Amino acid sequence: MLTIPRTVAALRRSRKLLTDIEAQLGGLLVSLRQPQPCIDIAAPDQLTSVTAQAGRALAALDNLRCLW
């Protein structure tokens, strides 16, 4: 059962994860929009990390579905 403090904590975690995802994807877009795009060699790892973060963010939000 979710309590108000757990709900708030889950929303905060989701917001932080989604903000991190947005920043990472924004950085990749900036790189791609350069006249001569140069993708960081770590880009595939970053995308893997973003995918995992998105999964965690969505899972945290899914935990809140019992409130509806």
N, C-alpha and C. Protein backbone atom coordinates (compact mmCIF):
# COMPACT_ATOMS: atom_id res chain seq x y z
N MET A 1 0.84 -1.18 0.00
CA MET A 1 0.00 0.00 0.00
C MET A 1 0.88 1.24 0.00
N LEU A 2 0.51 2.18 -0.86
CA LEU A 2 1.27 3.42 -0.93
C LEU A 2 0.74 4.43 0.07
N THR A 3 1.65 5.07 0.72
CA THR A 3 1.28 6.16 1.63
C THR A 3 1.64 7.47 0.95
N ILE A 4 1.19 8.55 1.50
CA ILE A 4 1.51 9.86 0.93
C ILE A 4 3.03 10.08 0.87
N PRO A 5 3.78 9.79 1.95
CA PRO A 5 5.24 9.98 1.86
C PRO A 5 5.88 9.11 0.77
N ARG A 6 5.42 7.87 0.63
CA ARG A 6 5.97 7.00 -0.42
C ARG A 6 5.60 7.53 -1.81
N THR A 7 4.39 8.02 -1.93
CA THR A 7 3.95 8.58 -3.21
C THR A 7 4.80 9.78 -3.58
N VAL A 8 5.01 10.66 -2.65
CA VAL A 8 5.84 11.85 -2.89
C VAL A 8 7.27 11.43 -3.25
N ALA A 9 7.80 10.46 -2.54
CA ALA A 9 9.16 9.98 -2.82
C ALA A 9 9.23 9.37 -4.22
N ALA A 10 8.25 8.60 -4.60
CA ALA A 10 8.23 7.99 -5.93
C ALA A 10 8.15 9.06 -7.01
N LEU A 11 7.32 10.07 -6.80
CA LEU A 11 7.22 11.16 -7.77
C LEU A 11 8.53 11.93 -7.88
N ARG A 12 9.19 12.15 -6.76
CA ARG A 12 10.48 12.85 -6.78
C ARG A 12 11.53 12.04 -7.54
N ARG A 13 11.58 10.72 -7.27
CA ARG A 13 12.52 9.86 -7.98
C ARG A 13 12.24 9.88 -9.48
N SER A 14 10.98 9.78 -9.83
CA SER A 14 10.61 9.79 -11.25
C SER A 14 11.00 11.10 -11.90
N ARG A 15 10.73 12.21 -11.22
CA ARG A 15 11.07 13.52 -11.77
C ARG A 15 12.57 13.64 -11.97
N LYS A 16 13.35 13.20 -10.98
CA LYS A 16 14.80 13.28 -11.09
C LYS A 16 15.31 12.43 -12.25
N LEU A 17 14.81 11.20 -12.34
CA LEU A 17 15.24 10.32 -13.43
C LEU A 17 14.86 10.90 -14.79
N LEU A 18 13.64 11.41 -14.90
CA LEU A 18 13.22 11.98 -16.18
C LEU A 18 14.01 13.23 -16.53
N THR A 19 14.37 14.03 -15.54
CA THR A 19 15.20 15.21 -15.77
C THR A 19 16.59 14.79 -16.24
N ASP A 20 17.15 13.75 -15.61
CA ASP A 20 18.46 13.24 -16.04
C ASP A 20 18.41 12.72 -17.47
N ILE A 21 17.35 12.00 -17.79
CA ILE A 21 17.18 11.46 -19.14
C ILE A 21 17.12 12.61 -20.15
N GLU A 22 16.32 13.61 -19.83
CA GLU A 22 16.17 14.76 -20.73
C GLU A 22 17.52 15.43 -20.97
N ALA A 23 18.31 15.60 -19.93
CA ALA A 23 19.62 16.25 -20.07
C ALA A 23 20.55 15.42 -20.94
N GLN A 24 20.57 14.11 -20.73
CA GLN A 24 21.44 13.26 -21.52
C GLN A 24 21.03 13.24 -22.99
N LEU A 25 19.74 13.13 -23.24
CA LEU A 25 19.27 13.14 -24.63
C LEU A 25 19.49 14.50 -25.27
N GLY A 26 19.33 15.57 -24.49
CA GLY A 26 19.60 16.91 -24.99
C GLY A 26 21.05 17.06 -25.42
N GLY A 27 21.96 16.51 -24.62
CA GLY A 27 23.38 16.55 -24.97
C GLY A 27 23.67 15.82 -26.26
N LEU A 28 23.02 14.68 -26.45
CA LEU A 28 23.20 13.93 -27.70
C LEU A 28 22.65 14.71 -28.89
N LEU A 29 21.51 15.37 -28.71
CA LEU A 29 20.93 16.17 -29.80
C LEU A 29 21.84 17.33 -30.17
N VAL A 30 22.43 17.98 -29.17
CA VAL A 30 23.37 19.07 -29.45
C VAL A 30 24.52 18.56 -30.31
N SER A 31 25.04 17.41 -29.97
CA SER A 31 26.14 16.82 -30.74
C SER A 31 25.72 16.53 -32.17
N LEU A 32 24.50 16.00 -32.32
CA LEU A 32 24.03 15.64 -33.66
C LEU A 32 23.73 16.86 -34.52
N ARG A 33 23.40 17.98 -33.90
CA ARG A 33 23.03 19.18 -34.65
C ARG A 33 24.23 20.03 -35.07
N GLN A 34 25.40 19.64 -34.66
CA GLN A 34 26.61 20.38 -35.06
C GLN A 34 26.81 20.21 -36.57
N PRO A 35 27.45 21.20 -37.21
CA PRO A 35 27.67 21.11 -38.66
C PRO A 35 28.33 19.80 -39.07
N GLN A 36 29.28 19.36 -38.30
CA GLN A 36 29.90 18.06 -38.54
C GLN A 36 29.76 17.25 -37.26
N PRO A 37 28.64 16.53 -37.14
CA PRO A 37 28.38 15.80 -35.90
C PRO A 37 29.53 14.87 -35.53
N CYS A 38 29.85 14.91 -34.27
CA CYS A 38 30.88 14.02 -33.74
C CYS A 38 30.28 13.36 -32.50
N ILE A 39 29.92 12.12 -32.65
CA ILE A 39 29.28 11.40 -31.56
C ILE A 39 30.35 10.89 -30.60
N ASP A 40 30.13 11.13 -29.36
CA ASP A 40 31.02 10.65 -28.31
C ASP A 40 31.05 9.12 -28.35
N ILE A 41 32.21 8.57 -28.17
CA ILE A 41 32.35 7.12 -28.21
C ILE A 41 31.51 6.45 -27.11
N ALA A 42 31.18 7.20 -26.07
CA ALA A 42 30.38 6.65 -24.98
C ALA A 42 28.87 6.73 -25.25
N ALA A 43 28.47 7.27 -26.41
CA ALA A 43 27.04 7.45 -26.72
C ALA A 43 26.23 6.16 -26.59
N PRO A 44 26.70 5.03 -27.12
CA PRO A 44 25.91 3.80 -26.96
C PRO A 44 25.70 3.43 -25.48
N ASP A 45 26.72 3.62 -24.67
CA ASP A 45 26.58 3.33 -23.24
C ASP A 45 25.61 4.31 -22.59
N GLN A 46 25.66 5.57 -23.02
CA GLN A 46 24.74 6.57 -22.48
C GLN A 46 23.30 6.21 -22.83
N LEU A 47 23.08 5.77 -24.06
CA LEU A 47 21.72 5.38 -24.45
C LEU A 47 21.24 4.17 -23.66
N THR A 48 22.13 3.24 -23.39
CA THR A 48 21.77 2.09 -22.57
C THR A 48 21.40 2.55 -21.17
N SER A 49 22.18 3.48 -20.64
CA SER A 49 21.90 4.02 -19.30
C SER A 49 20.57 4.76 -19.28
N VAL A 50 20.32 5.56 -20.32
CA VAL A 50 19.06 6.30 -20.39
C VAL A 50 17.88 5.35 -20.45
N THR A 51 18.03 4.27 -21.20
CA THR A 51 16.96 3.28 -21.30
C THR A 51 16.66 2.68 -19.93
N ALA A 52 17.70 2.35 -19.19
CA ALA A 52 17.52 1.78 -17.85
C ALA A 52 16.87 2.81 -16.92
N GLN A 53 17.30 4.07 -17.01
CA GLN A 53 16.71 5.11 -16.18
C GLN A 53 15.24 5.32 -16.52
N ALA A 54 14.93 5.28 -17.80
CA ALA A 54 13.53 5.44 -18.21
C ALA A 54 12.69 4.30 -17.65
N GLY A 55 13.24 3.10 -17.67
CA GLY A 55 12.52 1.96 -17.10
C GLY A 55 12.25 2.14 -15.62
N ARG A 56 13.25 2.65 -14.89
CA ARG A 56 13.07 2.88 -13.47
C ARG A 56 12.05 3.98 -13.21
N ALA A 57 12.10 5.03 -14.02
CA ALA A 57 11.15 6.13 -13.85
C ALA A 57 9.73 5.66 -14.11
N LEU A 58 9.55 4.89 -15.17
CA LEU A 58 8.22 4.39 -15.48
C LEU A 58 7.74 3.39 -14.43
N ALA A 59 8.65 2.59 -13.90
CA ALA A 59 8.27 1.66 -12.84
C ALA A 59 7.82 2.41 -11.59
N ALA A 60 8.51 3.48 -11.27
CA ALA A 60 8.12 4.28 -10.10
C ALA A 60 6.74 4.89 -10.31
N LEU A 61 6.48 5.36 -11.54
CA LEU A 61 5.16 5.91 -11.83
C LEU A 61 4.09 4.82 -11.83
N ASP A 62 4.46 3.63 -12.30
CA ASP A 62 3.51 2.52 -12.31
C ASP A 62 3.10 2.13 -10.88
N ASN A 63 4.01 2.30 -9.94
CA ASN A 63 3.69 2.02 -8.54
C ASN A 63 2.58 2.92 -8.02
N LEU A 64 2.39 4.05 -8.68
CA LEU A 64 1.38 5.01 -8.24
C LEU A 64 -0.01 4.70 -8.83
N ARG A 65 -0.08 3.77 -9.78
CA ARG A 65 -1.35 3.51 -10.46
C ARG A 65 -2.44 3.05 -9.51
N CYS A 66 -2.07 2.47 -8.39
CA CYS A 66 -3.10 2.00 -7.45
C CYS A 66 -3.84 3.18 -6.81
N LEU A 67 -3.34 4.39 -6.98
CA LEU A 67 -4.03 5.55 -6.43
C LEU A 67 -5.26 5.93 -7.26
N TRP A 68 -5.29 5.50 -8.49
CA TRP A 68 -6.40 5.86 -9.35
C TRP A 68 -7.48 4.87 -9.15
